[in-house]
Amino acid sequence: MYQEINDAIFVRNSSFEESDDEVENFFNENNLSKIVLCAVQYKEEGRSTIQYFKNKGYYLYIQWLNSGFKDAKEYSDFLNFKSR
């Protein structure tokens, strides 16, 4: 599910929310990875994952994948992720 490539890079191919995992259980607080690549579910629990990384001083690059790929309308950021 996840792999620490080296001390600097952490990759996880699923979201913490999807597996009911707590993000803080995956990182050594004294030696945080410099780069983290992971998914975040677009639901209320995903906000705590984002907040964790912000509190640790990470810069965030967020890309919304498959946002209504076949839907007839565009969805707004109803959970207000953008402004947090």
N, C-alpha and C. Protein backbone atom coordinates (compact mmCIF):
# COMPACT_ATOMS: atom_id res chain seq x y z
N MET A 1 0.80 -1.19 0.00
CA MET A 1 0.00 0.00 0.00
C MET A 1 0.85 1.27 0.00
N TYR A 2 1.96 1.25 0.70
CA TYR A 2 2.81 2.43 0.72
C TYR A 2 4.26 1.99 0.68
N GLN A 3 5.10 2.92 0.31
CA GLN A 3 6.53 2.61 0.26
C GLN A 3 7.32 3.86 0.56
N GLU A 4 8.27 3.72 1.45
CA GLU A 4 9.20 4.81 1.70
C GLU A 4 10.39 4.54 0.79
N ILE A 5 10.54 5.33 -0.26
CA ILE A 5 11.59 5.13 -1.24
C ILE A 5 12.96 5.38 -0.61
N ASN A 6 13.05 6.44 0.12
CA ASN A 6 14.22 6.75 0.95
C ASN A 6 13.74 7.72 2.01
N ASP A 7 14.64 8.30 2.76
CA ASP A 7 14.22 9.22 3.82
C ASP A 7 13.51 10.45 3.27
N ALA A 8 13.72 10.75 2.00
CA ALA A 8 13.19 11.99 1.44
C ALA A 8 11.85 11.84 0.75
N ILE A 9 11.48 10.62 0.30
CA ILE A 9 10.27 10.45 -0.51
C ILE A 9 9.40 9.34 0.06
N PHE A 10 8.11 9.64 0.22
CA PHE A 10 7.12 8.67 0.69
C PHE A 10 6.01 8.61 -0.36
N VAL A 11 5.67 7.41 -0.82
CA VAL A 11 4.62 7.23 -1.83
C VAL A 11 3.56 6.29 -1.28
N ARG A 12 2.32 6.67 -1.46
CA ARG A 12 1.20 5.81 -1.07
C ARG A 12 0.20 5.81 -2.22
N ASN A 13 -0.19 4.63 -2.70
CA ASN A 13 -1.06 4.57 -3.87
C ASN A 13 -2.54 4.54 -3.54
N SER A 14 -2.89 4.79 -2.31
CA SER A 14 -4.29 4.96 -1.93
C SER A 14 -4.36 6.05 -0.87
N SER A 15 -5.55 6.49 -0.60
CA SER A 15 -5.68 7.55 0.41
C SER A 15 -5.69 6.95 1.81
N PHE A 16 -5.34 7.76 2.78
CA PHE A 16 -5.41 7.34 4.18
C PHE A 16 -6.86 7.10 4.57
N GLU A 17 -7.76 7.92 4.04
CA GLU A 17 -9.18 7.83 4.37
C GLU A 17 -9.78 6.52 3.85
N GLU A 18 -9.36 6.11 2.66
CA GLU A 18 -9.89 4.91 2.02
C GLU A 18 -9.61 3.66 2.86
N SER A 19 -8.49 3.65 3.54
CA SER A 19 -8.08 2.50 4.35
C SER A 19 -8.34 2.69 5.84
N ASP A 20 -9.01 3.78 6.21
CA ASP A 20 -9.26 4.11 7.62
C ASP A 20 -7.97 4.18 8.43
N ASP A 21 -6.92 4.73 7.82
CA ASP A 21 -5.64 4.92 8.48
C ASP A 21 -5.49 6.37 8.94
N GLU A 22 -4.78 6.56 10.02
CA GLU A 22 -4.46 7.90 10.50
C GLU A 22 -3.12 8.31 9.91
N VAL A 23 -3.08 9.43 9.25
CA VAL A 23 -1.87 9.87 8.56
C VAL A 23 -0.67 9.96 9.49
N GLU A 24 -0.87 10.41 10.71
CA GLU A 24 0.26 10.58 11.63
C GLU A 24 0.92 9.26 12.03
N ASN A 25 0.26 8.13 11.83
CA ASN A 25 0.84 6.82 12.16
C ASN A 25 1.88 6.36 11.13
N PHE A 26 2.02 7.08 10.03
CA PHE A 26 2.91 6.65 8.96
C PHE A 26 4.22 7.43 8.91
N PHE A 27 4.38 8.42 9.76
CA PHE A 27 5.54 9.28 9.66
C PHE A 27 6.27 9.40 10.99
N ASN A 28 7.59 9.44 10.91
CA ASN A 28 8.43 9.69 12.06
C ASN A 28 8.47 11.21 12.26
N GLU A 29 7.89 11.67 13.32
CA GLU A 29 7.77 13.12 13.57
C GLU A 29 9.13 13.82 13.61
N ASN A 30 10.19 13.09 13.92
CA ASN A 30 11.52 13.69 14.01
C ASN A 30 12.28 13.64 12.69
N ASN A 31 11.76 12.91 11.71
CA ASN A 31 12.45 12.77 10.43
C ASN A 31 11.42 12.63 9.32
N LEU A 32 10.68 13.70 9.06
CA LEU A 32 9.62 13.66 8.05
C LEU A 32 10.20 13.60 6.65
N SER A 33 9.53 12.86 5.78
CA SER A 33 9.92 12.82 4.37
C SER A 33 9.79 14.22 3.78
N LYS A 34 10.68 14.55 2.85
CA LYS A 34 10.61 15.87 2.22
C LYS A 34 9.51 15.93 1.18
N ILE A 35 9.24 14.81 0.52
CA ILE A 35 8.22 14.74 -0.52
C ILE A 35 7.26 13.61 -0.18
N VAL A 36 5.97 13.90 -0.24
CA VAL A 36 4.94 12.88 0.00
C VAL A 36 4.00 12.90 -1.20
N LEU A 37 3.82 11.75 -1.82
CA LEU A 37 2.87 11.60 -2.92
C LEU A 37 1.76 10.68 -2.44
N CYS A 38 0.54 11.20 -2.36
CA CYS A 38 -0.57 10.37 -1.89
C CYS A 38 -1.88 10.94 -2.40
N ALA A 39 -2.89 10.11 -2.33
CA ALA A 39 -4.25 10.54 -2.67
C ALA A 39 -4.95 11.01 -1.40
N VAL A 40 -5.93 11.87 -1.58
CA VAL A 40 -6.79 12.32 -0.48
C VAL A 40 -8.22 12.23 -0.99
N GLN A 41 -9.07 11.57 -0.24
CA GLN A 41 -10.48 11.47 -0.63
C GLN A 41 -11.16 12.82 -0.48
N TYR A 42 -12.04 13.14 -1.43
CA TYR A 42 -12.78 14.39 -1.34
C TYR A 42 -14.01 14.16 -0.46
N LYS A 43 -13.74 14.11 0.83
CA LYS A 43 -14.79 14.01 1.84
C LYS A 43 -14.25 14.65 3.11
N GLU A 44 -15.09 14.80 4.08
CA GLU A 44 -14.74 15.54 5.30
C GLU A 44 -13.43 15.04 5.93
N GLU A 45 -13.23 13.73 5.98
CA GLU A 45 -12.02 13.17 6.59
C GLU A 45 -10.75 13.59 5.86
N GLY A 46 -10.86 13.86 4.57
CA GLY A 46 -9.70 14.29 3.80
C GLY A 46 -9.15 15.64 4.25
N ARG A 47 -10.00 16.45 4.82
CA ARG A 47 -9.54 17.75 5.32
C ARG A 47 -8.53 17.59 6.44
N SER A 48 -8.67 16.56 7.28
CA SER A 48 -7.70 16.37 8.36
C SER A 48 -6.35 15.91 7.80
N THR A 49 -6.35 15.14 6.72
CA THR A 49 -5.09 14.75 6.08
C THR A 49 -4.37 15.98 5.54
N ILE A 50 -5.09 16.83 4.86
CA ILE A 50 -4.50 18.06 4.33
C ILE A 50 -4.00 18.94 5.46
N GLN A 51 -4.78 19.06 6.52
CA GLN A 51 -4.37 19.89 7.66
C GLN A 51 -3.11 19.35 8.32
N TYR A 52 -2.98 18.04 8.41
CA TYR A 52 -1.77 17.43 8.98
C TYR A 52 -0.53 17.91 8.23
N PHE A 53 -0.57 17.81 6.91
CA PHE A 53 0.59 18.21 6.12
C PHE A 53 0.84 19.72 6.19
N LYS A 54 -0.21 20.50 6.23
CA LYS A 54 -0.03 21.95 6.39
C LYS A 54 0.61 22.27 7.74
N ASN A 55 0.16 21.61 8.79
CA ASN A 55 0.72 21.84 10.13
C ASN A 55 2.20 21.46 10.21
N LYS A 56 2.62 20.53 9.37
CA LYS A 56 4.02 20.10 9.35
C LYS A 56 4.88 20.94 8.42
N GLY A 57 4.28 21.95 7.80
CA GLY A 57 5.05 22.87 6.97
C GLY A 57 5.22 22.47 5.52
N TYR A 58 4.45 21.49 5.06
CA TYR A 58 4.55 21.08 3.67
C TYR A 58 3.89 22.11 2.75
N TYR A 59 4.45 22.27 1.57
CA TYR A 59 3.79 22.98 0.49
C TYR A 59 2.92 21.97 -0.22
N LEU A 60 1.71 22.34 -0.57
CA LEU A 60 0.77 21.40 -1.17
C LEU A 60 0.57 21.69 -2.65
N TYR A 61 0.57 20.64 -3.43
CA TYR A 61 0.16 20.70 -4.83
C TYR A 61 -0.98 19.72 -4.95
N ILE A 62 -2.16 20.22 -5.23
CA ILE A 62 -3.35 19.38 -5.26
C ILE A 62 -3.92 19.37 -6.66
N GLN A 63 -4.18 18.17 -7.15
CA GLN A 63 -4.79 18.00 -8.46
C GLN A 63 -6.03 17.15 -8.30
N TRP A 64 -7.14 17.66 -8.76
CA TRP A 64 -8.41 16.95 -8.64
C TRP A 64 -8.54 16.02 -9.84
N LEU A 65 -8.46 14.71 -9.61
CA LEU A 65 -8.53 13.73 -10.68
C LEU A 65 -9.95 13.19 -10.83
N ASN A 66 -10.34 12.97 -12.06
CA ASN A 66 -11.66 12.39 -12.38
C ASN A 66 -12.79 13.13 -11.69
N SER A 67 -12.73 14.40 -11.73
CA SER A 67 -13.78 15.20 -11.06
C SER A 67 -15.03 15.25 -11.93
N GLY A 68 -15.84 14.22 -11.81
CA GLY A 68 -17.07 14.17 -12.59
C GLY A 68 -16.79 13.87 -14.05
N PHE A 69 -15.91 12.96 -14.33
CA PHE A 69 -15.45 12.67 -15.69
C PHE A 69 -16.59 12.56 -16.69
N LYS A 70 -17.63 11.84 -16.35
CA LYS A 70 -18.75 11.66 -17.28
C LYS A 70 -20.01 12.39 -16.82
N ASP A 71 -19.87 13.26 -15.85
CA ASP A 71 -21.03 14.00 -15.35
C ASP A 71 -21.40 15.12 -16.32
N ALA A 72 -22.66 15.46 -16.33
CA ALA A 72 -23.16 16.50 -17.22
C ALA A 72 -22.84 17.90 -16.72
N LYS A 73 -22.50 18.05 -15.47
CA LYS A 73 -22.23 19.38 -14.93
C LYS A 73 -20.91 19.40 -14.16
N GLU A 74 -20.40 20.59 -13.94
CA GLU A 74 -19.18 20.77 -13.16
C GLU A 74 -19.55 20.94 -11.70
N TYR A 75 -18.74 20.38 -10.82
CA TYR A 75 -19.00 20.48 -9.39
C TYR A 75 -18.14 21.56 -8.75
N SER A 76 -18.69 22.22 -7.78
CA SER A 76 -17.93 23.23 -7.05
C SER A 76 -17.19 22.57 -5.89
N ASP A 77 -16.32 23.31 -5.28
CA ASP A 77 -15.57 22.85 -4.12
C ASP A 77 -16.45 22.98 -2.89
N PHE A 78 -17.46 22.11 -2.76
CA PHE A 78 -18.45 22.26 -1.69
C PHE A 78 -17.90 21.96 -0.31
N LEU A 79 -16.74 21.29 -0.21
CA LEU A 79 -16.12 21.08 1.10
C LEU A 79 -15.08 22.16 1.40
N ASN A 80 -14.91 23.08 0.48
CA ASN A 80 -14.06 24.24 0.68
C ASN A 80 -12.59 23.89 0.90
N PHE A 81 -12.09 22.89 0.16
CA PHE A 81 -10.70 22.49 0.28
C PHE A 81 -9.76 23.61 -0.18
N LYS A 82 -10.15 24.32 -1.21
CA LYS A 82 -9.28 25.31 -1.82
C LYS A 82 -8.86 26.41 -0.85
N SER A 83 -9.75 26.85 0.00
CA SER A 83 -9.43 27.97 0.88
C SER A 83 -8.77 27.56 2.19
N ARG A 84 -8.54 26.30 2.40
CA ARG A 84 -7.94 25.84 3.66
C ARG A 84 -6.47 25.70 3.56
